[in-house]
Amino acid sequence: IDKGLFVAFVWTGSAAAMGGLRFGDQILQINGETVAGWKDSKALKTLKKADAGRITLAVRDRPWARTLTVVKDSGNHIGFVFKKSEITGIVKETSAARNGLLIHHNLVEVNGQNVVGLKDPEILQIIAEA
């Protein structure tokens, strides 16, 4: 059970999101059936056929992601700059710098909301509302 499918998107408020599934998680089993070697189409077909009342997944948490907490400063700044979701600059002496954010990291979620595929202005709006 060391191979599987990777979650590319989770809709906010969906059963998957409420169950804790997140972008980058690796699905190893669906209802006890190992999915190693499956194509995504087979996994989607299996999920659609499953009893909507209960689907059990074996999941490995985000193998290549880490969560950082960044606190806005008194001027409401986040302490980093990004372009196309990639961190391009970090302000010294900010929570972003102190908590280990690095350039070339990519934004995946903001306050639990998936931002993969969103344009920078959309991400900025989500950050502004946080």
Protein backbone atom coordinates (compact mmCIF):
# COMPACT_ATOMS: atom_id res chain seq x y z
CA ILE A 1 0.00 0.00 0.00
CA ASP A 2 2.73 2.48 -0.86
CA LYS A 3 1.24 3.66 -4.16
CA GLY A 4 -2.06 5.37 -4.83
CA LEU A 5 -3.87 8.32 -6.27
CA PHE A 6 -3.26 11.94 -5.32
CA VAL A 7 -6.03 14.41 -4.54
CA ALA A 8 -5.87 17.31 -6.99
CA PHE A 9 -8.86 19.31 -5.76
CA VAL A 10 -11.32 19.31 -2.85
CA TRP A 11 -14.44 21.46 -3.06
CA THR A 12 -14.93 23.71 -0.04
CA GLY A 13 -17.82 22.45 2.07
CA SER A 14 -17.96 19.05 0.34
CA ALA A 15 -18.23 15.78 2.26
CA ALA A 16 -14.59 15.13 1.37
CA ALA A 17 -13.51 18.49 2.80
CA MET A 18 -15.60 18.00 5.95
CA GLY A 19 -14.03 14.54 6.32
CA GLY A 20 -10.57 16.14 6.26
CA LEU A 21 -9.43 15.23 2.74
CA ARG A 22 -7.02 17.85 1.42
CA PHE A 23 -5.13 18.71 -1.73
CA GLY A 24 -2.05 16.51 -2.06
CA ASP A 25 -3.36 13.67 0.11
CA GLN A 26 -2.65 10.24 -1.29
CA ILE A 27 -5.59 7.82 -1.50
CA LEU A 28 -4.40 4.28 -0.85
CA GLN A 29 -7.73 2.44 -0.57
CA ILE A 30 -11.39 3.04 -1.35
CA ASN A 31 -13.78 0.99 0.80
CA GLY A 32 -10.99 -1.47 1.58
CA GLU A 33 -9.89 -1.93 -2.03
CA THR A 34 -6.28 -1.00 -2.78
CA VAL A 35 -6.05 1.56 -5.58
CA ALA A 36 -2.35 1.15 -6.46
CA GLY A 37 -2.05 1.16 -10.24
CA TRP A 38 -5.56 2.49 -10.80
CA LYS A 39 -6.22 5.27 -13.28
CA ASP A 40 -8.11 8.26 -11.91
CA SER A 41 -11.10 7.34 -14.08
CA LYS A 42 -11.45 3.98 -12.31
CA ALA A 43 -11.25 5.66 -8.90
CA LEU A 44 -13.91 8.23 -9.86
CA LYS A 45 -16.16 5.46 -11.21
CA THR A 46 -15.74 3.50 -7.97
CA LEU A 47 -16.55 6.58 -5.87
CA LYS A 48 -19.65 7.38 -7.94
CA LYS A 49 -20.95 3.80 -7.53
CA ALA A 50 -20.26 3.73 -3.77
CA ASP A 51 -22.99 4.17 -1.15
CA ALA A 52 -23.18 7.94 -0.67
CA GLY A 53 -23.91 7.45 3.04
CA ARG A 54 -20.48 6.02 3.80
CA ILE A 55 -17.25 5.88 1.82
CA THR A 56 -14.13 4.77 3.65
CA LEU A 57 -10.75 5.93 2.40
CA ALA A 58 -7.26 4.97 3.51
CA VAL A 59 -5.28 8.16 3.06
CA ARG A 60 -1.67 9.21 3.54
CA ASP A 61 -1.51 12.89 4.45
CA ARG A 62 0.13 15.21 1.94
CA PRO A 63 3.45 13.58 1.32
CA TRP A 64 5.11 16.72 -0.05
CA ALA A 65 3.41 19.54 1.75
CA ARG A 66 3.82 21.31 5.04
CA THR A 67 1.64 23.77 6.83
CA LEU A 68 2.98 27.11 7.98
CA THR A 69 1.16 29.64 10.08
CA VAL A 70 1.72 33.22 8.99
CA VAL A 71 0.34 36.09 11.03
CA LYS A 72 -0.43 39.46 9.51
CA ASP A 73 1.46 42.38 11.04
CA SER A 74 -0.13 45.55 12.41
CA GLY A 75 -0.24 46.98 8.88
CA ASN A 76 -2.19 43.91 7.69
CA HIS A 77 0.80 42.64 5.65
CA ILE A 78 1.51 38.92 5.32
CA GLY A 79 5.30 39.13 5.08
CA PHE A 80 5.81 37.55 1.68
CA VAL A 81 5.29 38.18 -2.02
CA PHE A 82 4.07 35.63 -4.54
CA LYS A 83 3.58 35.38 -8.29
CA LYS A 84 1.56 32.60 -9.92
CA SER A 85 1.21 31.02 -6.45
CA GLU A 86 4.99 30.75 -6.03
CA ILE A 87 6.68 32.58 -3.15
CA THR A 88 9.08 35.08 -4.73
CA GLY A 89 10.13 37.15 -1.73
CA ILE A 90 10.03 37.10 2.06
CA VAL A 91 10.19 40.11 4.36
CA LYS A 92 12.78 39.84 7.14
CA GLU A 93 11.58 39.68 10.74
CA THR A 94 8.03 38.58 9.82
CA SER A 95 6.16 35.49 10.93
CA ALA A 96 6.60 34.16 7.38
CA ALA A 97 10.39 34.35 7.77
CA ARG A 98 10.41 33.08 11.37
CA ASN A 99 8.15 30.11 10.58
CA GLY A 100 10.28 28.79 7.73
CA LEU A 101 8.62 29.99 4.57
CA LEU A 102 11.09 29.81 1.68
CA ILE A 103 11.17 31.26 -1.81
CA HIS A 104 9.98 28.82 -4.48
CA HIS A 105 7.43 27.35 -2.07
CA ASN A 106 3.95 27.26 -3.60
CA LEU A 107 0.67 28.29 -2.05
CA VAL A 108 -1.71 25.35 -1.90
CA GLU A 109 -4.27 26.44 0.70
CA VAL A 110 -5.14 29.58 2.61
CA ASN A 111 -7.13 29.03 5.81
CA GLY A 112 -8.17 25.59 4.56
CA GLN A 113 -9.33 26.82 1.16
CA ASN A 114 -7.66 25.24 -1.85
CA VAL A 115 -6.02 27.93 -4.00
CA VAL A 116 -4.40 25.70 -6.61
CA GLY A 117 -5.30 27.00 -10.04
CA LEU A 118 -6.58 30.35 -8.78
CA LYS A 119 -5.17 33.56 -10.18
CA ASP A 120 -3.09 35.79 -7.90
CA PRO A 121 -5.84 38.43 -7.45
CA GLU A 122 -8.22 35.71 -6.27
CA ILE A 123 -5.64 34.43 -3.79
CA LEU A 124 -4.99 37.98 -2.57
CA GLN A 125 -8.72 38.41 -1.95
CA ILE A 126 -8.82 35.22 0.13
CA ILE A 127 -5.78 36.39 2.12
CA ALA A 128 -7.34 39.84 2.60
CA GLU A 129 -10.48 38.25 4.03
CA ALA A 130 -8.48 36.03 6.40
